[in-house]
Amino acid sequence: MTRAIWIFTAVNLTVIGISHITAPMAWTRYFIWLRGKGQAGVFLVAAMSLVFGAPIVAFHEVWSGWPLAVTLVGWAQILKATIYFTFPAYGLRKLELVREERSWIFIPAGVMLLLLAAPAWYLLIRSGWPTPP
């Protein structure tokens, strides 16, 4: 199961990271659209974070070495979801930071996501992936 979580984390962070870099205006418009939905939009952001973080937290309880990075990514997503679900006004304020003239902010965010994916890819490659163990 641990390897499955590494794949889940690596693929999700890589795809979203590349998308942030190659389509920042699309992400900007998406978050502006979510902002237009008010607190319901904030709940959708929270749900996406929870759906990504929960499997990692549930199936990857590793607190040392490189695998710790994957565990921390999962817990960070759970924390974000908790904050947004509990304090939707705060989440709405964060969404208000997104503007078309600042769509470039998704590019460094995408780079950060790719950097966060690196430990999962490292663990997969070190484990002999894609060949089964």
C-alpha atoms as a PDB file:
ATOM      1  CA  MET A   1       0.000   0.000   0.000  1.00  0.00           C
ATOM      2  CA  THR A   2       2.886   2.356   0.722  1.00  0.00           C
ATOM      3  CA  ARG A   3       4.061   2.191  -2.879  1.00  0.00           C
ATOM      4  CA  ALA A   4       0.531   2.890  -4.093  1.00  0.00           C
ATOM      5  CA  ILE A   5       0.466   6.062  -2.000  1.00  0.00           C
ATOM      6  CA  TRP A   6       3.819   7.133  -3.451  1.00  0.00           C
ATOM      7  CA  ILE A   7       2.369   6.674  -6.951  1.00  0.00           C
ATOM      8  CA  PHE A   8      -0.823   8.533  -5.944  1.00  0.00           C
ATOM      9  CA  THR A   9       1.196  11.430  -4.513  1.00  0.00           C
ATOM     10  CA  ALA A  10       3.761  11.616  -7.313  1.00  0.00           C
ATOM     11  CA  VAL A  11       1.211  11.503 -10.120  1.00  0.00           C
ATOM     12  CA  ASN A  12      -1.205  13.992  -8.539  1.00  0.00           C
ATOM     13  CA  LEU A  13       1.456  16.543  -7.597  1.00  0.00           C
ATOM     14  CA  THR A  14       3.201  16.221 -10.969  1.00  0.00           C
ATOM     15  CA  VAL A  15       0.070  16.603 -13.085  1.00  0.00           C
ATOM     16  CA  ILE A  16      -1.277  19.526 -11.050  1.00  0.00           C
ATOM     17  CA  GLY A  17       2.192  21.127 -10.900  1.00  0.00           C
ATOM     18  CA  ILE A  18       2.710  20.936 -14.661  1.00  0.00           C
ATOM     19  CA  SER A  19      -0.812  22.269 -15.195  1.00  0.00           C
ATOM     20  CA  HIS A  20      -0.131  25.228 -12.890  1.00  0.00           C
ATOM     21  CA  ILE A  21       2.967  26.053 -14.950  1.00  0.00           C
ATOM     22  CA  THR A  22       1.448  25.569 -18.408  1.00  0.00           C
ATOM     23  CA  ALA A  23      -2.083  26.925 -17.788  1.00  0.00           C
ATOM     24  CA  PRO A  24      -1.938  29.562 -15.047  1.00  0.00           C
ATOM     25  CA  MET A  25      -4.794  31.607 -16.532  1.00  0.00           C
ATOM     26  CA  ALA A  26      -7.089  28.576 -16.526  1.00  0.00           C
ATOM     27  CA  TRP A  27      -6.331  28.025 -12.825  1.00  0.00           C
ATOM     28  CA  THR A  28      -6.897  31.710 -12.170  1.00  0.00           C
ATOM     29  CA  ARG A  29     -10.304  31.643 -13.841  1.00  0.00           C
ATOM     30  CA  TYR A  30     -11.196  28.419 -12.030  1.00  0.00           C
ATOM     31  CA  PHE A  31     -10.460  29.930  -8.623  1.00  0.00           C
ATOM     32  CA  ILE A  32     -12.237  33.153  -9.551  1.00  0.00           C
ATOM     33  CA  TRP A  33     -15.246  31.023 -10.505  1.00  0.00           C
ATOM     34  CA  LEU A  34     -15.028  29.215  -7.149  1.00  0.00           C
ATOM     35  CA  ARG A  35     -14.809  32.557  -5.360  1.00  0.00           C
ATOM     36  CA  GLY A  36     -18.013  33.586  -7.117  1.00  0.00           C
ATOM     37  CA  LYS A  37     -19.737  30.638  -5.433  1.00  0.00           C
ATOM     38  CA  GLY A  38     -18.937  32.124  -1.997  1.00  0.00           C
ATOM     39  CA  GLN A  39     -18.557  29.732   0.903  1.00  0.00           C
ATOM     40  CA  ALA A  40     -19.763  26.848  -1.261  1.00  0.00           C
ATOM     41  CA  GLY A  41     -16.716  27.448  -3.477  1.00  0.00           C
ATOM     42  CA  VAL A  42     -14.486  27.412  -0.416  1.00  0.00           C
ATOM     43  CA  PHE A  43     -16.026  24.078   0.568  1.00  0.00           C
ATOM     44  CA  LEU A  44     -15.173  22.689  -2.872  1.00  0.00           C
ATOM     45  CA  VAL A  45     -11.517  23.735  -2.405  1.00  0.00           C
ATOM     46  CA  ALA A  46     -11.588  22.094   1.044  1.00  0.00           C
ATOM     47  CA  ALA A  47     -13.120  18.912  -0.362  1.00  0.00           C
ATOM     48  CA  MET A  48     -10.427  18.681  -3.050  1.00  0.00           C
ATOM     49  CA  SER A  49      -7.745  19.023  -0.380  1.00  0.00           C
ATOM     50  CA  LEU A  50      -9.422  16.412   1.803  1.00  0.00           C
ATOM     51  CA  VAL A  51      -9.798  13.948  -1.076  1.00  0.00           C
ATOM     52  CA  PHE A  52      -6.100  14.292  -1.862  1.00  0.00           C
ATOM     53  CA  GLY A  53      -4.812  14.262   1.716  1.00  0.00           C
ATOM     54  CA  ALA A  54      -7.017  11.619   3.334  1.00  0.00           C
ATOM     55  CA  PRO A  55      -5.667   8.574   1.441  1.00  0.00           C
ATOM     56  CA  ILE A  56      -2.103   9.647   2.188  1.00  0.00           C
ATOM     57  CA  VAL A  57      -2.820  10.088   5.895  1.00  0.00           C
ATOM     58  CA  ALA A  58      -4.839   6.862   6.062  1.00  0.00           C
ATOM     59  CA  PHE A  59      -2.305   4.636   4.337  1.00  0.00           C
ATOM     60  CA  HIS A  60       1.085   6.298   4.799  1.00  0.00           C
ATOM     61  CA  GLU A  61       1.992   6.695   8.460  1.00  0.00           C
ATOM     62  CA  VAL A  62       5.751   7.057   7.982  1.00  0.00           C
ATOM     63  CA  TRP A  63       7.624   9.564  10.139  1.00  0.00           C
ATOM     64  CA  SER A  64      11.269   9.250   9.106  1.00  0.00           C
ATOM     65  CA  GLY A  65      13.527   9.555   6.088  1.00  0.00           C
ATOM     66  CA  TRP A  66      12.339  10.516   2.605  1.00  0.00           C
ATOM     67  CA  PRO A  67       8.888   8.950   3.137  1.00  0.00           C
ATOM     68  CA  LEU A  68       8.228  11.611   5.782  1.00  0.00           C
ATOM     69  CA  ALA A  69       7.854  14.170   2.958  1.00  0.00           C
ATOM     70  CA  VAL A  70       4.871  12.235   1.572  1.00  0.00           C
ATOM     71  CA  THR A  71       3.269  11.989   5.011  1.00  0.00           C
ATOM     72  CA  LEU A  72       3.680  15.747   5.531  1.00  0.00           C
ATOM     73  CA  VAL A  73       2.071  16.529   2.166  1.00  0.00           C
ATOM     74  CA  GLY A  74      -0.967  14.493   3.237  1.00  0.00           C
ATOM     75  CA  TRP A  75      -1.231  16.165   6.627  1.00  0.00           C
ATOM     76  CA  ALA A  76      -0.818  19.625   5.063  1.00  0.00           C
ATOM     77  CA  GLN A  77      -3.810  18.916   2.828  1.00  0.00           C
ATOM     78  CA  ILE A  78      -5.865  17.700   5.804  1.00  0.00           C
ATOM     79  CA  LEU A  79      -4.929  20.867   7.711  1.00  0.00           C
ATOM     80  CA  LYS A  80      -5.957  23.074   4.776  1.00  0.00           C
ATOM     81  CA  ALA A  81      -9.266  21.235   4.435  1.00  0.00           C
ATOM     82  CA  THR A  82      -9.936  21.555   8.160  1.00  0.00           C
ATOM     83  CA  ILE A  83      -9.226  25.290   8.156  1.00  0.00           C
ATOM     84  CA  TYR A  84     -11.359  25.951   5.069  1.00  0.00           C
ATOM     85  CA  PHE A  85     -14.279  23.809   6.306  1.00  0.00           C
ATOM     86  CA  THR A  86     -14.128  25.352   9.781  1.00  0.00           C
ATOM     87  CA  PHE A  87     -13.441  28.955   8.778  1.00  0.00           C
ATOM     88  CA  PRO A  88     -14.886  29.426   5.270  1.00  0.00           C
ATOM     89  CA  ALA A  89     -14.566  33.223   5.538  1.00  0.00           C
ATOM     90  CA  TYR A  90     -10.792  32.754   5.790  1.00  0.00           C
ATOM     91  CA  GLY A  91     -10.822  30.526   2.702  1.00  0.00           C
ATOM     92  CA  LEU A  92     -12.840  33.125   0.840  1.00  0.00           C
ATOM     93  CA  ARG A  93     -10.266  35.790   1.745  1.00  0.00           C
ATOM     94  CA  LYS A  94      -7.536  33.524   0.325  1.00  0.00           C
ATOM     95  CA  LEU A  95      -9.547  33.108  -2.899  1.00  0.00           C
ATOM     96  CA  GLU A  96      -9.849  36.893  -3.160  1.00  0.00           C
ATOM     97  CA  LEU A  97      -6.076  37.039  -3.673  1.00  0.00           C
ATOM     98  CA  VAL A  98      -6.500  35.375  -7.077  1.00  0.00           C
ATOM     99  CA  ARG A  99      -6.819  37.899  -9.938  1.00  0.00           C
ATOM    100  CA  GLU A 100      -6.278  37.629 -13.674  1.00  0.00           C
ATOM    101  CA  GLU A 101      -3.469  40.198 -13.629  1.00  0.00           C
ATOM    102  CA  ARG A 102      -1.708  38.006 -11.063  1.00  0.00           C
ATOM    103  CA  SER A 103      -2.185  34.666 -12.818  1.00  0.00           C
ATOM    104  CA  TRP A 104       1.611  34.282 -12.819  1.00  0.00           C
ATOM    105  CA  ILE A 105       1.379  33.259  -9.113  1.00  0.00           C
ATOM    106  CA  PHE A 106       0.371  29.773 -10.257  1.00  0.00           C
ATOM    107  CA  ILE A 107       3.737  29.233 -11.958  1.00  0.00           C
ATOM    108  CA  PRO A 108       5.889  29.257  -8.786  1.00  0.00           C
ATOM    109  CA  ALA A 109       3.131  27.261  -7.079  1.00  0.00           C
ATOM    110  CA  GLY A 110       3.466  24.672  -9.850  1.00  0.00           C
ATOM    111  CA  VAL A 111       7.220  24.545  -9.367  1.00  0.00           C
ATOM    112  CA  MET A 112       6.641  24.002  -5.640  1.00  0.00           C
ATOM    113  CA  LEU A 113       4.250  21.138  -6.381  1.00  0.00           C
ATOM    114  CA  LEU A 114       6.866  19.517  -8.619  1.00  0.00           C
ATOM    115  CA  LEU A 115       9.448  19.886  -5.850  1.00  0.00           C
ATOM    116  CA  LEU A 116       6.996  18.256  -3.431  1.00  0.00           C
ATOM    117  CA  ALA A 117       6.506  15.407  -5.925  1.00  0.00           C
ATOM    118  CA  ALA A 118      10.257  14.746  -6.084  1.00  0.00           C
ATOM    119  CA  PRO A 119      10.516  12.693  -2.856  1.00  0.00           C
ATOM    120  CA  ALA A 120       7.666  10.427  -3.981  1.00  0.00           C
ATOM    121  CA  TRP A 121       9.307   9.900  -7.387  1.00  0.00           C
ATOM    122  CA  TYR A 122      12.642   9.251  -5.667  1.00  0.00           C
ATOM    123  CA  LEU A 123      11.059   6.622  -3.426  1.00  0.00           C
ATOM    124  CA  LEU A 124       9.333   4.976  -6.391  1.00  0.00           C
ATOM    125  CA  ILE A 125      12.443   4.850  -8.530  1.00  0.00           C
ATOM    126  CA  ARG A 126      14.526   3.598  -5.605  1.00  0.00           C
ATOM    127  CA  SER A 127      11.967   0.836  -5.005  1.00  0.00           C
ATOM    128  CA  GLY A 128      12.350  -0.355  -8.607  1.00  0.00           C
ATOM    129  CA  TRP A 129       9.149   1.156  -9.971  1.00  0.00           C
ATOM    130  CA  PRO A 130       7.576   0.644 -12.475  1.00  0.00           C
ATOM    131  CA  THR A 131       8.620  -3.005 -12.170  1.00  0.00           C
ATOM    132  CA  PRO A 132       6.585  -4.738  -9.432  1.00  0.00           C
ATOM    133  CA  PRO A 133       8.548  -5.814  -6.340  1.00  0.00           C
END
